[in-house]
Amino acid sequence: MSTGSAVLSGELAGGLAEGLAAVSYPTIGHFLEDGFVDPAIRSLLDGVKVAGPAVTVRIADHDAYAMNRALLALYPGAVLVVDMSGDHRHAPVGAVTAAAATAQGAAGVVVDGVATDILELRATGLPVFARGTSCLTTKRVRSGGSAVNVPVQCGGVQVSPGDWVLGDDNGVIVLSPEVAAEVLGQALASDAAEPALLARIASGEPLESVLAF
């Protein structure tokens, strides 16, 4: 994914945000092959839908301070994307982290790793996507390998600050603003056509006349 710099702004960015919030994310999978995060990274809450620009953090050596710096970089509507540098044992997100992210107006958190305090996370209502849960957490150490708002890896996808992060109960997608703008119209048109297609199937119309071959 290319860096999501100020490519889209003002009315155009607002329209993109509105459209991405409305579109069905699995529909995007009909038109693209890249940007789909490892399906092992799943929502820890039920019934969520998230669309927002990425704030990124790379955490090395289970460095808890890096997460604190990332929380300060959050802004309303942003999605925090956490690259754990391959560490799937130490949880960087828990009750305090979720409360802080919520206070900053974050739309959600995506962790290429695990989270903790699952009951408290669910109580906040903040959408958190992770590979699972753990009682082992990051520590109050500092690592030179950690960094905030740099390109990171999350579930096999490169994520740059400002990329669009889309997440629901089906999984997570990361798109550059340019790709998101290109695919949105196709996906919305497909969503609009689907109810009629389902109605034809439900009415008993022969599948040979409904499905493409």
Protein backbone atom coordinates (compact mmCIF):
# COMPACT_ATOMS: atom_id res chain seq x y z
CA MET A 1 0.00 0.00 0.00
CA SER A 2 1.30 3.46 -0.83
CA THR A 3 1.46 6.13 1.81
CA GLY A 4 -1.95 7.68 2.36
CA SER A 5 -0.73 11.27 2.19
CA ALA A 6 -3.02 14.19 1.51
CA VAL A 7 -4.22 12.68 -1.76
CA LEU A 8 -7.87 13.12 -0.92
CA SER A 9 -9.22 16.01 1.06
CA GLY A 10 -12.28 18.06 1.76
CA GLU A 11 -15.50 17.03 0.04
CA LEU A 12 -13.86 14.11 -1.81
CA ALA A 13 -12.43 12.62 1.38
CA GLY A 14 -15.77 13.08 3.11
CA GLY A 15 -17.57 11.26 0.32
CA LEU A 16 -15.05 8.43 0.45
CA ALA A 17 -15.48 8.06 4.19
CA GLU A 18 -19.27 7.99 3.84
CA GLY A 19 -19.13 5.44 1.04
CA LEU A 20 -16.70 3.14 2.82
CA ALA A 21 -18.87 3.20 5.92
CA ALA A 22 -21.86 2.10 3.83
CA VAL A 23 -20.39 -0.53 1.51
CA SER A 24 -20.36 -4.25 2.32
CA TYR A 25 -16.72 -5.18 2.88
CA PRO A 26 -17.03 -8.73 1.45
CA THR A 27 -18.27 -7.08 -1.75
CA ILE A 28 -14.86 -5.43 -2.08
CA GLY A 29 -13.42 -8.94 -2.17
CA HIS A 30 -15.16 -9.49 -5.52
CA PHE A 31 -13.02 -6.81 -7.15
CA LEU A 32 -9.61 -6.84 -5.41
CA GLU A 33 -7.01 -9.43 -4.46
CA ASP A 34 -4.64 -7.38 -2.31
CA GLY A 35 -5.09 -5.62 1.03
CA PHE A 36 -6.90 -8.42 2.86
CA VAL A 37 -5.46 -8.99 6.32
CA ASP A 38 -4.82 -12.54 7.54
CA PRO A 39 -8.26 -13.90 8.54
CA ALA A 40 -6.78 -15.07 11.84
CA ILE A 41 -7.03 -11.41 12.90
CA ARG A 42 -10.70 -11.17 13.86
CA SER A 43 -13.03 -8.89 15.79
CA LEU A 44 -13.19 -9.57 19.51
CA LEU A 45 -16.66 -7.97 19.58
CA ASP A 46 -19.77 -8.96 17.67
CA GLY A 47 -21.61 -6.76 15.22
CA VAL A 48 -18.90 -4.19 14.54
CA LYS A 49 -18.12 -2.15 11.44
CA VAL A 50 -15.13 0.17 11.23
CA ALA A 51 -13.81 2.49 8.52
CA GLY A 52 -11.05 4.97 9.26
CA PRO A 53 -7.56 6.16 8.36
CA ALA A 54 -4.64 4.31 9.92
CA VAL A 55 -2.38 5.50 12.69
CA THR A 56 0.40 2.93 12.89
CA VAL A 57 2.80 1.66 15.52
CA ARG A 58 5.55 -0.93 15.32
CA ILE A 59 6.26 -2.49 18.72
CA ALA A 60 9.57 -4.28 19.23
CA ASP A 61 10.79 -6.24 22.28
CA HIS A 62 7.35 -6.07 23.99
CA ASP A 63 7.82 -2.30 24.47
CA ALA A 64 4.73 -0.87 26.21
CA TYR A 65 5.89 2.74 25.90
CA ALA A 66 5.53 2.59 22.11
CA MET A 67 1.82 1.97 22.50
CA ASN A 68 1.50 5.01 24.75
CA ARG A 69 3.15 7.20 22.09
CA ALA A 70 0.79 5.79 19.48
CA LEU A 71 -2.23 6.58 21.65
CA LEU A 72 -1.14 10.22 21.78
CA ALA A 73 -1.00 10.26 17.97
CA LEU A 74 -4.63 9.12 17.60
CA TYR A 75 -7.38 11.48 16.44
CA PRO A 76 -11.16 11.13 16.02
CA GLY A 77 -12.08 8.44 13.51
CA ALA A 78 -8.60 6.95 13.24
CA VAL A 79 -7.90 3.23 13.45
CA LEU A 80 -4.78 2.21 15.38
CA VAL A 81 -2.86 -0.54 13.55
CA VAL A 82 -0.32 -2.39 15.70
CA ASP A 83 2.59 -4.34 14.22
CA MET A 84 3.97 -6.59 16.98
CA SER A 85 7.09 -7.50 14.97
CA GLY A 86 6.02 -11.14 14.91
CA ASP A 87 5.27 -11.34 18.65
CA HIS A 88 1.94 -13.12 19.08
CA ARG A 89 2.35 -13.71 22.82
CA HIS A 90 2.53 -10.26 24.47
CA ALA A 91 -0.73 -8.28 24.44
CA PRO A 92 -0.28 -4.53 23.79
CA VAL A 93 -3.99 -3.73 24.13
CA GLY A 94 -6.08 -4.01 27.29
CA ALA A 95 -8.51 -2.06 29.44
CA VAL A 96 -6.37 1.07 29.87
CA THR A 97 -5.30 1.14 26.22
CA ALA A 98 -8.88 0.79 25.03
CA ALA A 99 -10.06 3.53 27.39
CA ALA A 100 -7.31 5.86 26.14
CA ALA A 101 -8.05 5.09 22.49
CA THR A 102 -11.74 5.73 23.09
CA ALA A 103 -10.92 9.02 24.80
CA GLN A 104 -8.98 10.05 21.69
CA GLY A 105 -11.98 9.27 19.50
CA ALA A 106 -10.46 6.24 17.80
CA ALA A 107 -12.74 4.16 15.62
CA GLY A 108 -10.97 0.90 16.45
CA VAL A 109 -7.73 -1.01 16.96
CA VAL A 110 -6.21 -3.75 14.80
CA VAL A 111 -3.41 -5.83 16.35
CA ASP A 112 -1.23 -8.33 14.51
CA GLY A 113 -1.01 -10.19 17.79
CA VAL A 114 -3.13 -10.68 20.87
CA ALA A 115 -5.13 -8.52 23.28
CA THR A 116 -6.05 -8.85 26.94
CA ASP A 117 -8.80 -7.77 29.37
CA ILE A 118 -11.43 -9.13 27.01
CA LEU A 119 -14.39 -8.38 29.29
CA GLU A 120 -13.27 -4.78 29.77
CA LEU A 121 -12.63 -4.39 26.04
CA ARG A 122 -16.13 -5.56 25.27
CA ALA A 123 -17.53 -3.19 27.90
CA THR A 124 -15.89 -0.19 26.20
CA GLY A 125 -17.52 -1.10 22.88
CA LEU A 126 -14.30 -0.16 21.06
CA PRO A 127 -13.85 -2.51 18.09
CA VAL A 128 -10.62 -4.47 18.60
CA PHE A 129 -9.34 -6.95 16.03
CA ALA A 130 -6.66 -9.43 17.12
CA ARG A 131 -5.43 -13.00 16.76
CA GLY A 132 -6.82 -13.90 20.17
CA THR A 133 -6.27 -13.11 23.84
CA SER A 134 -3.50 -13.60 26.37
CA CYS A 135 -2.69 -12.85 30.00
CA LEU A 136 0.92 -12.03 29.02
CA THR A 137 1.32 -8.31 28.32
CA THR A 138 3.89 -5.84 27.05
CA LYS A 139 6.28 -4.37 29.64
CA ARG A 140 7.57 -0.96 30.70
CA VAL A 141 10.65 -1.19 28.55
CA ARG A 142 11.83 0.94 25.64
CA SER A 143 13.10 -0.41 22.35
CA GLY A 144 14.92 1.39 19.58
CA GLY A 145 13.08 -0.84 17.15
CA SER A 146 9.68 0.63 17.98
CA ALA A 147 8.22 3.50 15.94
CA VAL A 148 4.97 5.42 15.50
CA ASN A 149 3.37 6.44 12.18
CA VAL A 150 5.71 4.50 9.93
CA PRO A 151 4.82 1.83 7.36
CA VAL A 152 4.12 -1.42 9.21
CA GLN A 153 3.08 -4.99 8.49
CA CYS A 154 -0.26 -6.30 9.73
CA GLY A 155 -1.48 -9.76 8.86
CA GLY A 156 0.65 -9.91 5.72
CA VAL A 157 -0.41 -6.46 4.47
CA GLN A 158 1.72 -3.33 4.45
CA VAL A 159 -0.07 -0.45 6.15
CA SER A 160 0.99 3.17 5.82
CA PRO A 161 -0.30 6.05 7.95
CA GLY A 162 -3.47 7.37 6.32
CA ASP A 163 -4.40 4.14 4.53
CA TRP A 164 -8.04 3.21 4.96
CA VAL A 165 -8.70 0.40 7.42
CA LEU A 166 -12.02 -1.40 7.02
CA GLY A 167 -13.13 -4.01 9.51
CA ASP A 168 -16.24 -5.98 10.42
CA ASP A 169 -17.13 -9.46 11.65
CA ASN A 170 -15.81 -10.90 8.37
CA GLY A 171 -12.28 -9.53 8.70
CA VAL A 172 -10.04 -6.54 7.96
CA ILE A 173 -9.09 -4.81 4.69
CA VAL A 174 -6.43 -2.12 4.20
CA LEU A 175 -6.61 0.11 1.12
CA SER A 176 -4.68 3.15 0.01
CA PRO A 177 -6.95 6.18 -0.52
CA GLU A 178 -6.44 5.84 -4.27
CA VAL A 179 -7.45 2.18 -4.42
CA ALA A 180 -10.37 2.77 -2.05
CA ALA A 181 -11.69 5.54 -4.30
CA GLU A 182 -11.29 3.35 -7.41
CA VAL A 183 -13.14 0.31 -6.06
CA LEU A 184 -15.88 2.02 -4.09
CA GLY A 185 -18.21 2.75 -7.00
CA GLN A 186 -18.04 -0.84 -8.27
CA ALA A 187 -18.70 -2.24 -4.81
CA LEU A 188 -21.64 0.06 -4.09
CA ALA A 189 -23.21 -0.80 -7.47
CA SER A 190 -22.82 -4.51 -6.70
CA ASP A 191 -24.44 -4.04 -3.29
CA ALA A 192 -27.36 -2.20 -4.90
CA ALA A 193 -27.93 -5.03 -7.39
CA GLU A 194 -27.76 -7.88 -4.87
CA PRO A 195 -31.27 -7.61 -3.33
CA ALA A 196 -32.90 -8.13 -6.72
CA LEU A 197 -30.66 -11.12 -7.38
CA LEU A 198 -31.57 -12.68 -4.03
CA ALA A 199 -35.25 -12.03 -4.68
CA ARG A 200 -35.04 -13.86 -8.01
CA ILE A 201 -33.47 -16.88 -6.31
CA ALA A 202 -36.03 -16.81 -3.48
CA SER A 203 -38.89 -16.66 -6.01
CA GLY A 204 -37.81 -19.97 -7.49
CA GLU A 205 -36.44 -18.64 -10.76
CA PRO A 206 -34.19 -21.29 -12.37
CA LEU A 207 -30.59 -20.79 -11.30
CA GLU A 208 -29.50 -21.23 -14.90
CA SER A 209 -31.07 -17.84 -15.64
CA VAL A 210 -29.80 -16.14 -12.50
CA LEU A 211 -26.19 -17.21 -12.07
CA ALA A 212 -23.35 -16.35 -14.42
CA PHE A 213 -21.61 -19.25 -16.18
